[in-house]
Amino acid sequence: MQVTIHPEVLKELEYIVALHQQHGAPNPMASVESLVAFVLASVADGSRRPGAWERGMLEQMGLIAECDEHNIYRAHYGPAQPTKGKTDA
């Protein structure tokens, strides 16, 4: 997968990294790549864990699907795995 970042957005992300390098941060990022990876992992965690702090970020951005399925905790990334031995009856 390849992600395209608008040049102005990239400029801001580079600025965030520069500020982290110059002044430190609670969770400093050493590169734009590490910053983007962290943000995307946070989005994925918020998607699969309704009670996580990351969930609020997704809710504010309107990224939670309007269905019960998106409000169920999942231990793993991706769709919920069927439970062994259980069937829909």
C-alpha atoms as a PDB file:
ATOM      1  CA  MET A   1       0.000   0.000   0.000  1.00  0.00           C
ATOM      2  CA  GLN A   2       1.137   3.494  -0.726  1.00  0.00           C
ATOM      3  CA  VAL A   3      -0.312   6.593   0.921  1.00  0.00           C
ATOM      4  CA  THR A   4      -0.237   9.958  -0.788  1.00  0.00           C
ATOM      5  CA  ILE A   5       0.001  12.964   1.520  1.00  0.00           C
ATOM      6  CA  HIS A   6      -0.903  16.425   0.282  1.00  0.00           C
ATOM      7  CA  PRO A   7       2.274  18.574   0.220  1.00  0.00           C
ATOM      8  CA  GLU A   8       0.879  21.099   2.697  1.00  0.00           C
ATOM      9  CA  VAL A   9      -0.142  18.338   5.107  1.00  0.00           C
ATOM     10  CA  LEU A  10       3.317  16.775   4.757  1.00  0.00           C
ATOM     11  CA  LYS A  11       4.834  20.156   5.573  1.00  0.00           C
ATOM     12  CA  GLU A  12       2.874  20.257   8.837  1.00  0.00           C
ATOM     13  CA  LEU A  13       3.802  16.674   9.737  1.00  0.00           C
ATOM     14  CA  GLU A  14       7.467  17.482   9.136  1.00  0.00           C
ATOM     15  CA  TYR A  15       7.058  20.505  11.404  1.00  0.00           C
ATOM     16  CA  ILE A  16       5.577  18.322  14.178  1.00  0.00           C
ATOM     17  CA  VAL A  17       8.576  15.974  13.925  1.00  0.00           C
ATOM     18  CA  ALA A  18      10.989  18.913  13.970  1.00  0.00           C
ATOM     19  CA  LEU A  19       9.347  20.299  17.110  1.00  0.00           C
ATOM     20  CA  HIS A  20       9.582  16.880  18.755  1.00  0.00           C
ATOM     21  CA  GLN A  21      13.271  16.663  17.890  1.00  0.00           C
ATOM     22  CA  GLN A  22      14.005  20.185  19.142  1.00  0.00           C
ATOM     23  CA  HIS A  23      11.859  20.268  22.266  1.00  0.00           C
ATOM     24  CA  GLY A  24      10.779  16.720  23.075  1.00  0.00           C
ATOM     25  CA  ALA A  25       7.217  15.497  23.557  1.00  0.00           C
ATOM     26  CA  PRO A  26       5.433  12.933  25.739  1.00  0.00           C
ATOM     27  CA  ASN A  27       5.467  10.575  22.736  1.00  0.00           C
ATOM     28  CA  PRO A  28       8.131  11.992  20.408  1.00  0.00           C
ATOM     29  CA  MET A  29       8.228  10.889  16.785  1.00  0.00           C
ATOM     30  CA  ALA A  30      11.558  10.633  14.980  1.00  0.00           C
ATOM     31  CA  SER A  31      10.159  10.763  11.441  1.00  0.00           C
ATOM     32  CA  VAL A  32       7.019  11.494   9.473  1.00  0.00           C
ATOM     33  CA  GLU A  33       6.786   7.769   8.727  1.00  0.00           C
ATOM     34  CA  SER A  34       6.735   6.884  12.422  1.00  0.00           C
ATOM     35  CA  LEU A  35       4.188   9.650  13.103  1.00  0.00           C
ATOM     36  CA  VAL A  36       1.869   8.420  10.336  1.00  0.00           C
ATOM     37  CA  ALA A  37       2.263   4.781  11.468  1.00  0.00           C
ATOM     38  CA  PHE A  38       1.369   5.776  15.055  1.00  0.00           C
ATOM     39  CA  VAL A  39      -1.704   7.747  13.975  1.00  0.00           C
ATOM     40  CA  LEU A  40      -2.954   4.935  11.725  1.00  0.00           C
ATOM     41  CA  ALA A  41      -2.398   2.329  14.462  1.00  0.00           C
ATOM     42  CA  SER A  42      -4.368   4.572  16.831  1.00  0.00           C
ATOM     43  CA  VAL A  43      -7.239   4.743  14.338  1.00  0.00           C
ATOM     44  CA  ALA A  44      -7.222   0.947  13.966  1.00  0.00           C
ATOM     45  CA  ASP A  45      -7.177   0.463  17.746  1.00  0.00           C
ATOM     46  CA  GLY A  46     -10.079   2.882  18.185  1.00  0.00           C
ATOM     47  CA  SER A  47     -12.027   0.972  15.562  1.00  0.00           C
ATOM     48  CA  ARG A  48     -11.710  -2.390  17.289  1.00  0.00           C
ATOM     49  CA  ARG A  49     -11.833  -1.276  20.935  1.00  0.00           C
ATOM     50  CA  PRO A  50     -14.936   0.795  21.792  1.00  0.00           C
ATOM     51  CA  GLY A  51     -13.654   1.633  25.295  1.00  0.00           C
ATOM     52  CA  ALA A  52     -10.177   2.782  24.225  1.00  0.00           C
ATOM     53  CA  TRP A  53      -9.035   6.411  24.331  1.00  0.00           C
ATOM     54  CA  GLU A  54      -8.517   6.243  20.550  1.00  0.00           C
ATOM     55  CA  ARG A  55     -12.245   5.622  20.022  1.00  0.00           C
ATOM     56  CA  GLY A  56     -13.083   9.232  20.863  1.00  0.00           C
ATOM     57  CA  MET A  57     -10.847  10.388  18.029  1.00  0.00           C
ATOM     58  CA  LEU A  58     -12.773   8.228  15.538  1.00  0.00           C
ATOM     59  CA  GLU A  59     -16.116   9.363  16.931  1.00  0.00           C
ATOM     60  CA  GLN A  60     -15.153  13.029  16.550  1.00  0.00           C
ATOM     61  CA  MET A  61     -14.100  12.405  12.948  1.00  0.00           C
ATOM     62  CA  GLY A  62     -17.328  10.535  12.151  1.00  0.00           C
ATOM     63  CA  LEU A  63     -15.533   7.269  11.364  1.00  0.00           C
ATOM     64  CA  ILE A  64     -17.673   4.858  13.391  1.00  0.00           C
ATOM     65  CA  ALA A  65     -20.068   2.932  11.159  1.00  0.00           C
ATOM     66  CA  GLU A  66     -23.724   3.132  12.125  1.00  0.00           C
ATOM     67  CA  CYS A  67     -24.119  -0.537  13.024  1.00  0.00           C
ATOM     68  CA  ASP A  68     -23.911  -2.740  16.121  1.00  0.00           C
ATOM     69  CA  GLU A  69     -20.930  -4.599  14.670  1.00  0.00           C
ATOM     70  CA  HIS A  70     -18.674  -1.545  14.956  1.00  0.00           C
ATOM     71  CA  ASN A  71     -19.484  -1.273  18.657  1.00  0.00           C
ATOM     72  CA  ILE A  72     -18.210  -4.729  19.638  1.00  0.00           C
ATOM     73  CA  TYR A  73     -14.742  -5.204  21.144  1.00  0.00           C
ATOM     74  CA  ARG A  74     -12.443  -7.280  18.946  1.00  0.00           C
ATOM     75  CA  ALA A  75      -9.167  -8.674  20.316  1.00  0.00           C
ATOM     76  CA  HIS A  76      -7.678  -8.843  16.820  1.00  0.00           C
ATOM     77  CA  TYR A  77      -7.595  -6.534  13.812  1.00  0.00           C
ATOM     78  CA  GLY A  78     -10.069  -7.134  11.000  1.00  0.00           C
ATOM     79  CA  PRO A  79     -13.577  -8.597  11.068  1.00  0.00           C
ATOM     80  CA  ALA A  80     -14.711 -10.505  14.159  1.00  0.00           C
ATOM     81  CA  GLN A  81     -13.724 -14.129  14.022  1.00  0.00           C
ATOM     82  CA  PRO A  82     -16.489 -16.703  14.495  1.00  0.00           C
ATOM     83  CA  THR A  83     -16.311 -18.475  17.836  1.00  0.00           C
ATOM     84  CA  LYS A  84     -15.362 -22.145  17.475  1.00  0.00           C
ATOM     85  CA  GLY A  85     -18.231 -24.471  18.144  1.00  0.00           C
ATOM     86  CA  LYS A  86     -20.887 -21.752  17.896  1.00  0.00           C
ATOM     87  CA  THR A  87     -23.314 -21.473  15.044  1.00  0.00           C
ATOM     88  CA  ASP A  88     -26.148 -19.092  14.307  1.00  0.00           C
ATOM     89  CA  ALA A  89     -29.346 -20.959  15.061  1.00  0.00           C
END
